[in-house]
Amino acid sequence: TYFTSAVAGNALSYSVGRSPISVGASGAVFGLLGAWGVFLKRNQRTLETRGMRRVSASLDSLISTCAVNAFLGMSPGSRIDNLAHLGGFLGGCACAYLFGPRLVRRRFGSSLSRLFDEPIWTFPECGTRSSALTRFDRARHSR
């Protein structure tokens, strides 16, 4: 996510070309913020059910942090590359949406349940699904 966000931030900044070439890791850091926001929003219900409180407050804090940084970047004389921040943020959001954790609760019997990661897309050679889910699927399909 970090690398993808850095590339996306630099690509957007360079393609629009309004500012001179910029350097730094802030686009990648904004990508991590975007990925964190997608993770929280996607799994909000599951996290709150499991006892994590104030997910909405975390999302609000994330949005206000990004807004303050954008405002500072638009102030006169600022040398902040907002397009790199925006590109990194969008790259992080896209990466987290496609590959990030999507927590799904599975029930085993009447009282036991576990959380599993079911991303929208996985790399076939790497496979991000947990071994417990793989064993569960094998057991279910062998019946």
Protein backbone atom coordinates (compact mmCIF):
# COMPACT_ATOMS: atom_id res chain seq x y z
CA THR A 1 0.00 0.00 0.00
CA TYR A 2 2.80 2.38 0.90
CA PHE A 3 4.65 1.88 -2.38
CA THR A 4 1.48 2.00 -4.48
CA SER A 5 0.43 5.22 -2.75
CA ALA A 6 3.84 6.78 -3.36
CA VAL A 7 3.67 5.94 -7.05
CA ALA A 8 0.08 7.19 -7.35
CA GLY A 9 0.90 10.44 -5.56
CA ASN A 10 3.95 11.13 -7.71
CA ALA A 11 2.07 10.18 -10.88
CA LEU A 12 -0.79 12.59 -10.18
CA SER A 13 1.57 15.37 -9.19
CA TYR A 14 3.72 14.90 -12.27
CA SER A 15 0.82 14.46 -14.71
CA VAL A 16 -0.85 17.72 -13.74
CA GLY A 17 2.54 19.45 -13.64
CA ARG A 18 1.55 22.71 -11.98
CA SER A 19 4.33 22.62 -9.42
CA PRO A 20 8.00 21.81 -9.82
CA ILE A 21 9.13 18.25 -9.21
CA SER A 22 8.57 17.42 -5.58
CA VAL A 23 10.25 14.92 -3.31
CA GLY A 24 9.19 13.30 -0.07
CA ALA A 25 7.11 10.54 1.38
CA SER A 26 4.01 12.54 2.25
CA GLY A 27 1.97 11.12 -0.65
CA ALA A 28 2.68 7.60 0.62
CA VAL A 29 1.78 8.64 4.17
CA PHE A 30 -1.52 10.03 2.91
CA GLY A 31 -2.02 6.69 1.17
CA LEU A 32 -1.76 4.97 4.53
CA LEU A 33 -4.38 7.39 5.87
CA GLY A 34 -6.66 6.53 2.95
CA ALA A 35 -6.13 2.81 3.49
CA TRP A 36 -6.88 3.20 7.20
CA GLY A 37 -10.11 5.04 6.38
CA VAL A 38 -11.24 2.33 3.95
CA PHE A 39 -10.43 -0.36 6.52
CA LEU A 40 -12.41 1.41 9.25
CA LYS A 41 -15.42 2.15 7.04
CA ARG A 42 -15.53 -1.32 5.50
CA ASN A 43 -15.25 -3.13 8.84
CA GLN A 44 -17.03 -0.61 11.07
CA ARG A 45 -19.92 -2.87 12.04
CA THR A 46 -17.66 -5.85 12.74
CA LEU A 47 -15.22 -3.77 14.79
CA GLU A 48 -17.99 -2.18 16.85
CA THR A 49 -19.60 -5.58 17.45
CA ARG A 50 -16.24 -6.86 18.70
CA GLY A 51 -15.87 -4.00 21.19
CA MET A 52 -13.95 -1.29 19.34
CA ARG A 53 -15.69 1.92 20.23
CA ARG A 54 -15.72 5.24 18.47
CA VAL A 55 -14.92 4.05 14.94
CA SER A 56 -16.92 7.02 13.65
CA ALA A 57 -14.80 9.37 15.75
CA SER A 58 -11.65 7.86 14.23
CA LEU A 59 -13.05 8.43 10.75
CA ASP A 60 -13.97 12.02 11.62
CA SER A 61 -10.48 12.62 12.98
CA LEU A 62 -8.93 11.21 9.83
CA ILE A 63 -11.06 13.47 7.62
CA SER A 64 -10.26 16.57 9.67
CA THR A 65 -6.52 15.78 9.59
CA CYS A 66 -6.61 15.54 5.81
CA ALA A 67 -8.67 18.73 5.55
CA VAL A 68 -6.25 20.71 7.74
CA ASN A 69 -3.32 19.50 5.64
CA ALA A 70 -5.11 20.47 2.42
CA PHE A 71 -5.88 23.91 3.86
CA LEU A 72 -2.23 24.41 4.84
CA GLY A 73 -1.18 23.33 1.35
CA MET A 74 -3.43 25.95 -0.25
CA SER A 75 -2.18 28.81 1.89
CA PRO A 76 -0.13 31.49 0.09
CA GLY A 77 3.56 30.69 -0.16
CA SER A 78 3.06 27.05 0.73
CA ARG A 79 5.42 24.57 -0.87
CA ILE A 80 3.22 21.57 -0.05
CA ASP A 81 2.28 19.38 -3.01
CA ASN A 82 -1.43 18.78 -2.46
CA LEU A 83 -1.73 16.78 -5.67
CA ALA A 84 0.82 14.27 -4.36
CA HIS A 85 -1.21 14.04 -1.16
CA LEU A 86 -4.44 13.54 -3.10
CA GLY A 87 -2.92 10.95 -5.44
CA GLY A 88 -1.40 9.06 -2.53
CA PHE A 89 -4.68 9.15 -0.63
CA LEU A 90 -6.63 7.83 -3.62
CA GLY A 91 -3.98 5.19 -4.32
CA GLY A 92 -4.14 4.00 -0.72
CA CYS A 93 -7.94 3.90 -0.82
CA ALA A 94 -7.92 1.85 -4.03
CA CYS A 95 -5.27 -0.54 -2.72
CA ALA A 96 -7.11 -1.07 0.57
CA TYR A 97 -10.42 -1.53 -1.22
CA LEU A 98 -9.05 -4.22 -3.52
CA PHE A 99 -6.57 -6.02 -1.29
CA GLY A 100 -7.29 -4.83 2.24
CA PRO A 101 -8.89 -6.83 5.00
CA ARG A 102 -12.59 -7.46 4.77
CA LEU A 103 -13.45 -9.03 8.08
CA VAL A 104 -16.21 -11.61 7.91
CA ARG A 105 -17.54 -13.50 10.89
CA ARG A 106 -18.05 -17.25 10.43
CA ARG A 107 -20.00 -19.38 12.87
CA PHE A 108 -18.88 -22.83 13.94
CA GLY A 109 -21.64 -24.62 15.78
CA SER A 110 -24.02 -22.70 17.99
CA SER A 111 -21.67 -20.52 20.06
CA LEU A 112 -18.21 -20.39 18.42
CA SER A 113 -17.40 -17.78 15.80
CA ARG A 114 -14.21 -16.43 14.25
CA LEU A 115 -13.21 -13.52 12.07
CA PHE A 116 -11.74 -14.23 8.66
CA ASP A 117 -10.20 -12.00 6.05
CA GLU A 118 -11.93 -12.13 2.68
CA PRO A 119 -10.43 -9.44 0.43
CA ILE A 120 -12.15 -8.60 -2.84
CA TRP A 121 -9.16 -9.75 -4.87
CA THR A 122 -6.10 -11.82 -4.01
CA PHE A 123 -2.90 -12.66 -5.81
CA PRO A 124 -3.16 -16.33 -6.84
CA GLU A 125 0.46 -17.11 -6.04
CA CYS A 126 0.49 -15.39 -2.64
CA GLY A 127 -3.02 -15.96 -1.34
CA THR A 128 -3.94 -13.72 1.57
CA ARG A 129 -6.63 -15.97 2.94
CA SER A 130 -5.83 -17.40 6.32
CA SER A 131 -5.00 -21.06 6.70
CA ALA A 132 -7.94 -21.48 9.08
CA LEU A 133 -10.33 -20.34 6.35
CA THR A 134 -8.70 -22.69 3.87
CA ARG A 135 -9.16 -25.62 6.27
CA PHE A 136 -12.75 -24.51 6.86
CA ASP A 137 -13.45 -24.40 3.12
CA ARG A 138 -11.88 -27.83 2.58
CA ALA A 139 -13.95 -29.33 5.39
CA ARG A 140 -17.12 -27.73 4.05
CA HIS A 141 -16.55 -28.85 0.45
CA SER A 142 -15.53 -32.40 1.34
CA ARG A 143 -18.97 -33.17 2.80
